[in-house]
């Protein structure tokens, strides 16, 4: 028994004739007769009284018809809901992001485009450090993550796309000895205390991330995954902080941003999702963020 049998039953009950029902269903009359007989066997009772002129419901058939029609209506509604979800017109997308993601014009434009074209879809956004995003994506608590590429540990269960890219700057207090320089190099920073933004990058500690940038292991005085905390520490002179240039949009009293002249790898922003398990509104959003 499947939904076809219910559709055949309902149509025959409405038409009262095998020939008319078969024509409406666009199947051969003998095939319809067989399907109805099979349904009666499965249900354990006779659904129709057949005469030479008309087919009429039995009491058993009359009792079942409303349930069958309700099932057909629910099935039709389920197909509509499923179609809307697959097309991205409805459903919820759970997004994790690091602090710099919402400063990316590509990300904000994509979110605006998605909301305009998918008004019935819901975006649930949470600020999370990279490693927590990965845990949540693999645990199916998030659908999509937006995080830095630096420190990202490849996992065969995850897929990534590059969203945006920025050079690095050094945030330092306005009274710092190098604050008025046009550019700086890490060689100029011997003995400096460093304050690290995004202390946890893909499960690695702050010193390993900074070592990738500087080529050695500078002294880390403080680490935080909160951008404004990092800037506050910089402003009061507790240290300096290498940041993606996009974060220089955050103006903070007493903080200067100086470009780093060393040939560093760019600070890339990735969109992360599960392999083979991203469709519906989540896929539409990813395609909007990183076409």
C-alpha atoms as a PDB file:
ATOM      1  CA  UNK A   1       0.000   0.000   0.000  1.00  0.00           C
ATOM      2  CA  UNK A   2       1.290   3.475  -0.854  1.00  0.00           C
ATOM      3  CA  UNK A   3      -0.053   6.960  -1.475  1.00  0.00           C
ATOM      4  CA  UNK A   4      -1.042   6.006  -5.032  1.00  0.00           C
ATOM      5  CA  UNK A   5      -3.620   3.558  -3.711  1.00  0.00           C
ATOM      6  CA  UNK A   6      -5.178   6.291  -1.572  1.00  0.00           C
ATOM      7  CA  UNK A   7      -5.302   8.612  -4.569  1.00  0.00           C
ATOM      8  CA  UNK A   8      -6.991   5.920  -6.675  1.00  0.00           C
ATOM      9  CA  UNK A   9      -9.495   5.233  -3.891  1.00  0.00           C
ATOM     10  CA  UNK A  10     -10.365   8.914  -3.504  1.00  0.00           C
ATOM     11  CA  UNK A  11     -10.735   9.504  -7.252  1.00  0.00           C
ATOM     12  CA  UNK A  12     -12.942   6.439  -7.740  1.00  0.00           C
ATOM     13  CA  UNK A  13     -15.129   7.512  -4.821  1.00  0.00           C
ATOM     14  CA  UNK A  14     -15.546  10.968  -6.376  1.00  0.00           C
ATOM     15  CA  UNK A  15     -16.199   9.770  -9.922  1.00  0.00           C
ATOM     16  CA  UNK A  16     -18.365   6.753  -9.095  1.00  0.00           C
ATOM     17  CA  UNK A  17     -17.125   5.044 -12.247  1.00  0.00           C
ATOM     18  CA  UNK A  18     -14.028   3.017 -13.069  1.00  0.00           C
ATOM     19  CA  UNK A  19     -13.889   4.359 -16.604  1.00  0.00           C
ATOM     20  CA  UNK A  20     -14.149   8.025 -15.567  1.00  0.00           C
ATOM     21  CA  UNK A  21     -11.722   7.549 -12.674  1.00  0.00           C
ATOM     22  CA  UNK A  22      -9.215   5.784 -14.934  1.00  0.00           C
ATOM     23  CA  UNK A  23      -9.503   8.582 -17.486  1.00  0.00           C
ATOM     24  CA  UNK A  24      -8.956  11.233 -14.831  1.00  0.00           C
ATOM     25  CA  UNK A  25      -5.993   9.347 -13.400  1.00  0.00           C
ATOM     26  CA  UNK A  26      -4.652   8.667 -16.884  1.00  0.00           C
ATOM     27  CA  UNK A  27      -4.226   4.947 -16.331  1.00  0.00           C
ATOM     28  CA  UNK A  28      -5.867   1.911 -17.934  1.00  0.00           C
ATOM     29  CA  UNK A  29      -9.152   0.782 -16.391  1.00  0.00           C
ATOM     30  CA  UNK A  30      -7.945  -2.814 -15.733  1.00  0.00           C
ATOM     31  CA  UNK A  31      -4.912  -1.391 -13.920  1.00  0.00           C
ATOM     32  CA  UNK A  32      -7.167   0.758 -11.727  1.00  0.00           C
ATOM     33  CA  UNK A  33      -9.385  -2.221 -10.931  1.00  0.00           C
ATOM     34  CA  UNK A  34      -6.350  -4.239  -9.864  1.00  0.00           C
ATOM     35  CA  UNK A  35      -5.003  -1.427  -7.666  1.00  0.00           C
ATOM     36  CA  UNK A  36      -8.358  -1.094  -5.886  1.00  0.00           C
ATOM     37  CA  UNK A  37      -8.524  -4.870  -5.332  1.00  0.00           C
ATOM     38  CA  UNK A  38      -4.992  -4.824  -3.923  1.00  0.00           C
ATOM     39  CA  UNK A  39      -5.951  -1.991  -1.564  1.00  0.00           C
ATOM     40  CA  UNK A  40      -9.045  -3.863  -0.380  1.00  0.00           C
ATOM     41  CA  UNK A  41      -6.882  -6.911   0.353  1.00  0.00           C
ATOM     42  CA  UNK A  42      -4.367  -4.815   2.290  1.00  0.00           C
ATOM     43  CA  UNK A  43      -7.083  -3.068   4.308  1.00  0.00           C
ATOM     44  CA  UNK A  44      -9.011  -6.265   4.925  1.00  0.00           C
ATOM     45  CA  UNK A  45     -12.415  -5.126   3.655  1.00  0.00           C
ATOM     46  CA  UNK A  46     -14.454  -4.270   0.594  1.00  0.00           C
ATOM     47  CA  UNK A  47     -14.412  -0.574  -0.293  1.00  0.00           C
ATOM     48  CA  UNK A  48     -16.863  -0.442  -3.207  1.00  0.00           C
ATOM     49  CA  UNK A  49     -20.020  -2.154  -4.374  1.00  0.00           C
ATOM     50  CA  UNK A  50     -19.719  -2.585  -8.104  1.00  0.00           C
ATOM     51  CA  UNK A  51     -22.798  -2.573 -10.340  1.00  0.00           C
ATOM     52  CA  UNK A  52     -23.141  -2.342 -14.098  1.00  0.00           C
ATOM     53  CA  UNK A  53     -24.080   1.336 -13.841  1.00  0.00           C
ATOM     54  CA  UNK A  54     -22.244   2.730 -10.846  1.00  0.00           C
ATOM     55  CA  UNK A  55     -19.584   2.112  -8.261  1.00  0.00           C
ATOM     56  CA  UNK A  56     -20.673   3.001  -4.730  1.00  0.00           C
ATOM     57  CA  UNK A  57     -18.851   3.073  -1.430  1.00  0.00           C
ATOM     58  CA  UNK A  58     -19.551   0.350   1.088  1.00  0.00           C
ATOM     59  CA  UNK A  59     -20.041   1.330   4.744  1.00  0.00           C
ATOM     60  CA  UNK A  60     -16.398   0.333   5.253  1.00  0.00           C
ATOM     61  CA  UNK A  61     -15.379   2.578   2.353  1.00  0.00           C
ATOM     62  CA  UNK A  62     -17.466   5.507   3.646  1.00  0.00           C
ATOM     63  CA  UNK A  63     -15.819   5.161   7.047  1.00  0.00           C
ATOM     64  CA  UNK A  64     -12.318   5.218   5.567  1.00  0.00           C
ATOM     65  CA  UNK A  65     -12.774   7.925   2.921  1.00  0.00           C
ATOM     66  CA  UNK A  66     -12.396  10.977   5.235  1.00  0.00           C
ATOM     67  CA  UNK A  67      -9.193   9.504   6.684  1.00  0.00           C
ATOM     68  CA  UNK A  68      -7.839   8.824   3.210  1.00  0.00           C
ATOM     69  CA  UNK A  69      -8.672  12.359   2.058  1.00  0.00           C
ATOM     70  CA  UNK A  70      -7.028  13.825   5.162  1.00  0.00           C
ATOM     71  CA  UNK A  71      -3.906  11.752   4.493  1.00  0.00           C
ATOM     72  CA  UNK A  72      -3.806  12.952   0.882  1.00  0.00           C
ATOM     73  CA  UNK A  73      -4.145  16.572   2.001  1.00  0.00           C
ATOM     74  CA  UNK A  74      -1.341  16.139   4.554  1.00  0.00           C
ATOM     75  CA  UNK A  75       0.850  14.486   1.946  1.00  0.00           C
ATOM     76  CA  UNK A  76       0.238  17.338  -0.487  1.00  0.00           C
ATOM     77  CA  UNK A  77       1.051  19.878   2.223  1.00  0.00           C
ATOM     78  CA  UNK A  78       4.225  17.985   3.136  1.00  0.00           C
ATOM     79  CA  UNK A  79       5.357  18.090  -0.487  1.00  0.00           C
ATOM     80  CA  UNK A  80       4.821  21.852  -0.574  1.00  0.00           C
ATOM     81  CA  UNK A  81       6.794  22.301   2.650  1.00  0.00           C
ATOM     82  CA  UNK A  82       9.590  20.051   1.376  1.00  0.00           C
ATOM     83  CA  UNK A  83       9.714  21.895  -1.939  1.00  0.00           C
ATOM     84  CA  UNK A  84       9.909  25.261  -0.188  1.00  0.00           C
ATOM     85  CA  UNK A  85      12.740  24.019   2.023  1.00  0.00           C
ATOM     86  CA  UNK A  86      14.788  22.526  -0.815  1.00  0.00           C
ATOM     87  CA  UNK A  87      14.314  25.720  -2.833  1.00  0.00           C
ATOM     88  CA  UNK A  88      15.449  27.773   0.160  1.00  0.00           C
ATOM     89  CA  UNK A  89      12.107  29.544   0.516  1.00  0.00           C
ATOM     90  CA  UNK A  90      11.606  28.377   4.109  1.00  0.00           C
ATOM     91  CA  UNK A  91      13.451  26.746   6.973  1.00  0.00           C
ATOM     92  CA  UNK A  92      16.083  27.892   9.438  1.00  0.00           C
ATOM     93  CA  UNK A  93      19.810  28.396   8.841  1.00  0.00           C
ATOM     94  CA  UNK A  94      21.952  28.310  11.995  1.00  0.00           C
ATOM     95  CA  UNK A  95      25.134  30.318  11.473  1.00  0.00           C
ATOM     96  CA  UNK A  96      28.218  30.646  13.652  1.00  0.00           C
ATOM     97  CA  UNK A  97      30.628  33.496  13.002  1.00  0.00           C
ATOM     98  CA  UNK A  98      33.744  35.104  14.363  1.00  0.00           C
ATOM     99  CA  UNK A  99      33.812  38.822  15.073  1.00  0.00           C
ATOM    100  CA  UNK A 100      35.297  39.924  11.768  1.00  0.00           C
ATOM    101  CA  UNK A 101      32.722  38.131   9.593  1.00  0.00           C
ATOM    102  CA  UNK A 102      29.990  40.735  10.034  1.00  0.00           C
ATOM    103  CA  UNK A 103      32.416  43.484   8.996  1.00  0.00           C
ATOM    104  CA  UNK A 104      32.856  41.851   5.594  1.00  0.00           C
ATOM    105  CA  UNK A 105      30.839  43.679   2.965  1.00  0.00           C
ATOM    106  CA  UNK A 106      30.561  40.427   1.023  1.00  0.00           C
ATOM    107  CA  UNK A 107      28.951  38.722   4.007  1.00  0.00           C
ATOM    108  CA  UNK A 108      26.559  41.543   4.867  1.00  0.00           C
ATOM    109  CA  UNK A 109      25.531  41.979   1.217  1.00  0.00           C
ATOM    110  CA  UNK A 110      24.925  38.238   0.903  1.00  0.00           C
ATOM    111  CA  UNK A 111      22.810  38.199   4.065  1.00  0.00           C
ATOM    112  CA  UNK A 112      20.744  41.136   2.813  1.00  0.00           C
ATOM    113  CA  UNK A 113      20.295  39.448  -0.575  1.00  0.00           C
ATOM    114  CA  UNK A 114      19.277  36.180   1.080  1.00  0.00           C
ATOM    115  CA  UNK A 115      16.709  37.857   3.345  1.00  0.00           C
ATOM    116  CA  UNK A 116      15.250  39.793   0.404  1.00  0.00           C
ATOM    117  CA  UNK A 117      14.870  36.695  -1.771  1.00  0.00           C
ATOM    118  CA  UNK A 118      13.963  34.203   0.970  1.00  0.00           C
ATOM    119  CA  UNK A 119      11.712  36.196   3.325  1.00  0.00           C
ATOM    120  CA  UNK A 120      10.230  33.092   4.970  1.00  0.00           C
ATOM    121  CA  UNK A 121      13.608  31.588   5.839  1.00  0.00           C
ATOM    122  CA  UNK A 122      14.991  32.304   9.314  1.00  0.00           C
ATOM    123  CA  UNK A 123      18.637  33.159  10.032  1.00  0.00           C
ATOM    124  CA  UNK A 124      19.881  32.309  13.529  1.00  0.00           C
ATOM    125  CA  UNK A 125      23.322  33.871  14.050  1.00  0.00           C
ATOM    126  CA  UNK A 126      25.699  33.228  16.940  1.00  0.00           C
ATOM    127  CA  UNK A 127      29.158  34.693  17.536  1.00  0.00           C
ATOM    128  CA  UNK A 128      31.548  31.815  18.252  1.00  0.00           C
ATOM    129  CA  UNK A 129      35.265  31.150  18.087  1.00  0.00           C
ATOM    130  CA  UNK A 130      36.438  28.875  15.297  1.00  0.00           C
ATOM    131  CA  UNK A 131      36.854  25.627  17.229  1.00  0.00           C
ATOM    132  CA  UNK A 132      33.398  25.930  18.812  1.00  0.00           C
ATOM    133  CA  UNK A 133      31.922  26.459  15.363  1.00  0.00           C
ATOM    134  CA  UNK A 134      33.560  23.260  14.123  1.00  0.00           C
ATOM    135  CA  UNK A 135      32.216  21.281  17.084  1.00  0.00           C
ATOM    136  CA  UNK A 136      28.729  22.687  16.529  1.00  0.00           C
ATOM    137  CA  UNK A 137      28.757  22.043  12.772  1.00  0.00           C
ATOM    138  CA  UNK A 138      29.897  18.445  13.216  1.00  0.00           C
ATOM    139  CA  UNK A 139      27.360  18.035  16.029  1.00  0.00           C
ATOM    140  CA  UNK A 140      24.591  19.401  13.771  1.00  0.00           C
ATOM    141  CA  UNK A 141      23.974  22.326  16.086  1.00  0.00           C
ATOM    142  CA  UNK A 142      25.089  24.744  13.331  1.00  0.00           C
ATOM    143  CA  UNK A 143      24.600  24.558   9.573  1.00  0.00           C
ATOM    144  CA  UNK A 144      27.200  27.107   8.487  1.00  0.00           C
ATOM    145  CA  UNK A 145      30.314  28.667  10.012  1.00  0.00           C
ATOM    146  CA  UNK A 146      32.212  31.837   9.090  1.00  0.00           C
ATOM    147  CA  UNK A 147      35.765  31.830  10.434  1.00  0.00           C
ATOM    148  CA  UNK A 148      39.408  32.670   9.662  1.00  0.00           C
ATOM    149  CA  UNK A 149      41.423  30.293   7.509  1.00  0.00           C
ATOM    150  CA  UNK A 150      44.524  30.750   9.692  1.00  0.00           C
ATOM    151  CA  UNK A 151      44.653  27.751  12.005  1.00  0.00           C
ATOM    152  CA  UNK A 152      41.814  25.893  10.279  1.00  0.00           C
ATOM    153  CA  UNK A 153      42.397  22.161  10.591  1.00  0.00           C
ATOM    154  CA  UNK A 154      41.157  20.216   7.590  1.00  0.00           C
ATOM    155  CA  UNK A 155      38.529  17.595   8.435  1.00  0.00           C
ATOM    156  CA  UNK A 156      37.225  15.214   5.773  1.00  0.00           C
ATOM    157  CA  UNK A 157      33.708  15.771   7.106  1.00  0.00           C
ATOM    158  CA  UNK A 158      33.864  19.498   6.364  1.00  0.00           C
ATOM    159  CA  UNK A 159      33.983  21.592   3.224  1.00  0.00           C
ATOM    160  CA  UNK A 160      35.123  25.194   2.921  1.00  0.00           C
ATOM    161  CA  UNK A 161      34.917  28.093   0.502  1.00  0.00           C
ATOM    162  CA  UNK A 162      36.879  31.326   0.607  1.00  0.00           C
ATOM    163  CA  UNK A 163      34.644  34.318   1.240  1.00  0.00           C
ATOM    164  CA  UNK A 164      36.929  37.315   1.744  1.00  0.00           C
ATOM    165  CA  UNK A 165      40.584  38.205   2.263  1.00  0.00           C
ATOM    166  CA  UNK A 166      42.455  41.029   4.003  1.00  0.00           C
ATOM    167  CA  UNK A 167      46.058  42.064   4.728  1.00  0.00           C
ATOM    168  CA  UNK A 168      47.274  42.355   8.306  1.00  0.00           C
ATOM    169  CA  UNK A 169      47.668  45.454  10.438  1.00  0.00           C
ATOM    170  CA  UNK A 170      49.129  45.941  13.900  1.00  0.00           C
ATOM    171  CA  UNK A 171      46.875  47.565  16.469  1.00  0.00           C
ATOM    172  CA  UNK A 172      48.862  49.613  18.973  1.00  0.00           C
ATOM    173  CA  UNK A 173      48.270  52.354  21.480  1.00  0.00           C
ATOM    174  CA  UNK A 174      48.401  55.872  20.081  1.00  0.00           C
ATOM    175  CA  UNK A 175      51.379  56.607  22.383  1.00  0.00           C
ATOM    176  CA  UNK A 176      53.362  53.598  21.180  1.00  0.00           C
ATOM    177  CA  UNK A 177      56.832  54.376  19.798  1.00  0.00           C
ATOM    178  CA  UNK A 178      55.828  53.025  16.356  1.00  0.00           C
ATOM    179  CA  UNK A 179      52.261  54.343  16.208  1.00  0.00           C
ATOM    180  CA  UNK A 180      53.118  57.057  13.677  1.00  0.00           C
ATOM    181  CA  UNK A 181      55.006  54.780  11.284  1.00  0.00           C
ATOM    182  CA  UNK A 182      53.610  54.254   7.773  1.00  0.00           C
ATOM    183  CA  UNK A 183      54.348  50.515   8.048  1.00  0.00           C
ATOM    184  CA  UNK A 184      56.098  48.183  10.468  1.00  0.00           C
ATOM    185  CA  UNK A 185      57.838  44.809  10.372  1.00  0.00           C
ATOM    186  CA  UNK A 186      57.957  42.095  12.996  1.00  0.00           C
ATOM    187  CA  UNK A 187      61.704  42.703  13.213  1.00  0.00           C
ATOM    188  CA  UNK A 188      60.843  46.128  14.671  1.00  0.00           C
ATOM    189  CA  UNK A 189      58.883  44.507  17.488  1.00  0.00           C
ATOM    190  CA  UNK A 190      61.487  42.602  19.495  1.00  0.00           C
ATOM    191  CA  UNK A 191      60.610  42.631  23.167  1.00  0.00           C
ATOM    192  CA  UNK A 192      57.001  43.712  22.606  1.00  0.00           C
ATOM    193  CA  UNK A 193      54.081  42.155  24.439  1.00  0.00           C
ATOM    194  CA  UNK A 194      51.426  40.783  22.107  1.00  0.00           C
ATOM    195  CA  UNK A 195      47.698  40.613  22.660  1.00  0.00           C
ATOM    196  CA  UNK A 196      46.046  37.954  20.534  1.00  0.00           C
ATOM    197  CA  UNK A 197      42.585  38.220  19.030  1.00  0.00           C
ATOM    198  CA  UNK A 198      40.743  34.904  18.589  1.00  0.00           C
ATOM    199  CA  UNK A 199      42.752  33.007  21.162  1.00  0.00           C
ATOM    200  CA  UNK A 200      41.440  29.674  19.929  1.00  0.00           C
ATOM    201  CA  UNK A 201      41.849  29.100  16.196  1.00  0.00           C
ATOM    202  CA  UNK A 202      40.744  25.643  15.151  1.00  0.00           C
ATOM    203  CA  UNK A 203      41.936  24.122  18.424  1.00  0.00           C
ATOM    204  CA  UNK A 204      45.410  25.750  18.340  1.00  0.00           C
ATOM    205  CA  UNK A 205      46.680  28.164  20.954  1.00  0.00           C
ATOM    206  CA  UNK A 206      47.489  31.815  20.410  1.00  0.00           C
ATOM    207  CA  UNK A 207      51.258  31.343  20.341  1.00  0.00           C
ATOM    208  CA  UNK A 208      51.127  28.914  17.403  1.00  0.00           C
ATOM    209  CA  UNK A 209      48.927  31.281  15.400  1.00  0.00           C
ATOM    210  CA  UNK A 210      51.241  34.217  16.095  1.00  0.00           C
ATOM    211  CA  UNK A 211      54.291  32.083  15.313  1.00  0.00           C
ATOM    212  CA  UNK A 212      52.855  31.436  11.840  1.00  0.00           C
ATOM    213  CA  UNK A 213      52.736  35.189  11.285  1.00  0.00           C
ATOM    214  CA  UNK A 214      55.959  36.326  12.917  1.00  0.00           C
ATOM    215  CA  UNK A 215      58.167  33.340  12.146  1.00  0.00           C
ATOM    216  CA  UNK A 216      59.114  32.974  15.818  1.00  0.00           C
ATOM    217  CA  UNK A 217      57.361  32.883  19.179  1.00  0.00           C
ATOM    218  CA  UNK A 218      56.808  36.426  20.498  1.00  0.00           C
ATOM    219  CA  UNK A 219      55.712  37.015  24.072  1.00  0.00           C
ATOM    220  CA  UNK A 220      51.927  36.880  24.522  1.00  0.00           C
ATOM    221  CA  UNK A 221      50.619  38.972  27.390  1.00  0.00           C
ATOM    222  CA  UNK A 222      46.908  38.380  26.883  1.00  0.00           C
ATOM    223  CA  UNK A 223      44.552  36.458  24.587  1.00  0.00           C
ATOM    224  CA  UNK A 224      40.832  36.977  24.017  1.00  0.00           C
ATOM    225  CA  UNK A 225      38.177  36.010  21.506  1.00  0.00           C
ATOM    226  CA  UNK A 226      36.447  39.364  22.068  1.00  0.00           C
ATOM    227  CA  UNK A 227      37.588  42.059  19.642  1.00  0.00           C
ATOM    228  CA  UNK A 228      36.657  44.991  21.852  1.00  0.00           C
ATOM    229  CA  UNK A 229      38.514  43.460  24.805  1.00  0.00           C
ATOM    230  CA  UNK A 230      41.644  43.155  22.662  1.00  0.00           C
ATOM    231  CA  UNK A 231      41.349  46.786  21.539  1.00  0.00           C
ATOM    232  CA  UNK A 232      40.804  47.961  25.110  1.00  0.00           C
ATOM    233  CA  UNK A 233      43.979  46.162  26.208  1.00  0.00           C
ATOM    234  CA  UNK A 234      45.881  47.739  23.316  1.00  0.00           C
ATOM    235  CA  UNK A 235      44.542  51.200  24.143  1.00  0.00           C
ATOM    236  CA  UNK A 236      45.842  51.109  27.716  1.00  0.00           C
ATOM    237  CA  UNK A 237      49.269  49.975  26.558  1.00  0.00           C
ATOM    238  CA  UNK A 238      49.309  46.339  27.683  1.00  0.00           C
ATOM    239  CA  UNK A 239      50.542  45.189  24.288  1.00  0.00           C
ATOM    240  CA  UNK A 240      50.062  45.258  20.528  1.00  0.00           C
ATOM    241  CA  UNK A 241      47.780  43.052  18.440  1.00  0.00           C
ATOM    242  CA  UNK A 242      48.031  41.748  14.848  1.00  0.00           C
ATOM    243  CA  UNK A 243      44.573  41.956  13.300  1.00  0.00           C
ATOM    244  CA  UNK A 244      42.973  41.503   9.881  1.00  0.00           C
ATOM    245  CA  UNK A 245      42.719  44.927   8.263  1.00  0.00           C
ATOM    246  CA  UNK A 246      38.915  44.703   8.229  1.00  0.00           C
ATOM    247  CA  UNK A 247      38.938  45.122  12.022  1.00  0.00           C
ATOM    248  CA  UNK A 248      40.477  48.577  11.629  1.00  0.00           C
ATOM    249  CA  UNK A 249      36.924  49.680  10.811  1.00  0.00           C
ATOM    250  CA  UNK A 250      36.340  49.432  14.561  1.00  0.00           C
ATOM    251  CA  UNK A 251      37.431  52.818  15.834  1.00  0.00           C
ATOM    252  CA  UNK A 252      38.581  52.754  19.447  1.00  0.00           C
ATOM    253  CA  UNK A 253      39.944  55.760  21.377  1.00  0.00           C
ATOM    254  CA  UNK A 254      43.684  55.486  21.811  1.00  0.00           C
ATOM    255  CA  UNK A 255      44.244  52.785  19.166  1.00  0.00           C
ATOM    256  CA  UNK A 256      46.201  53.169  15.919  1.00  0.00           C
ATOM    257  CA  UNK A 257      46.328  50.605  13.106  1.00  0.00           C
ATOM    258  CA  UNK A 258      49.656  50.333  11.265  1.00  0.00           C
ATOM    259  CA  UNK A 259      50.015  48.128   8.137  1.00  0.00           C
ATOM    260  CA  UNK A 260      52.453  45.221   8.469  1.00  0.00           C
ATOM    261  CA  UNK A 261      55.037  45.296   5.679  1.00  0.00           C
ATOM    262  CA  UNK A 262      56.210  41.683   6.060  1.00  0.00           C
ATOM    263  CA  UNK A 263      55.023  39.374   3.233  1.00  0.00           C
ATOM    264  CA  UNK A 264      52.403  37.553   5.292  1.00  0.00           C
ATOM    265  CA  UNK A 265      49.701  35.213   4.017  1.00  0.00           C
ATOM    266  CA  UNK A 266      46.430  37.112   3.746  1.00  0.00           C
ATOM    267  CA  UNK A 267      43.821  36.757   6.438  1.00  0.00           C
ATOM    268  CA  UNK A 268      41.172  34.725   4.618  1.00  0.00           C
ATOM    269  CA  UNK A 269      37.591  34.292   5.762  1.00  0.00           C
ATOM    270  CA  UNK A 270      36.062  30.857   5.128  1.00  0.00           C
ATOM    271  CA  UNK A 271      32.507  29.590   5.029  1.00  0.00           C
ATOM    272  CA  UNK A 272      32.416  26.083   6.520  1.00  0.00           C
ATOM    273  CA  UNK A 273      29.733  23.396   6.273  1.00  0.00           C
ATOM    274  CA  UNK A 274      29.308  19.618   6.387  1.00  0.00           C
ATOM    275  CA  UNK A 275      30.245  17.602   3.308  1.00  0.00           C
ATOM    276  CA  UNK A 276      27.245  16.235   1.414  1.00  0.00           C
ATOM    277  CA  UNK A 277      24.769  17.517   3.982  1.00  0.00           C
ATOM    278  CA  UNK A 278      24.122  21.096   2.969  1.00  0.00           C
ATOM    279  CA  UNK A 279      20.998  21.820   0.965  1.00  0.00           C
ATOM    280  CA  UNK A 280      17.859  23.903   1.125  1.00  0.00           C
ATOM    281  CA  UNK A 281      18.211  27.369   2.674  1.00  0.00           C
ATOM    282  CA  UNK A 282      21.718  26.635   4.001  1.00  0.00           C
ATOM    283  CA  UNK A 283      22.994  25.886   0.500  1.00  0.00           C
ATOM    284  CA  UNK A 284      21.274  28.973  -0.901  1.00  0.00           C
ATOM    285  CA  UNK A 285      22.964  31.086   1.768  1.00  0.00           C
ATOM    286  CA  UNK A 286      26.410  29.572   1.120  1.00  0.00           C
ATOM    287  CA  UNK A 287      25.995  30.149  -2.616  1.00  0.00           C
ATOM    288  CA  UNK A 288      25.063  33.778  -1.897  1.00  0.00           C
ATOM    289  CA  UNK A 289      28.069  34.297   0.392  1.00  0.00           C
ATOM    290  CA  UNK A 290      30.594  32.567  -1.864  1.00  0.00           C
ATOM    291  CA  UNK A 291      29.220  32.164  -5.425  1.00  0.00           C
END
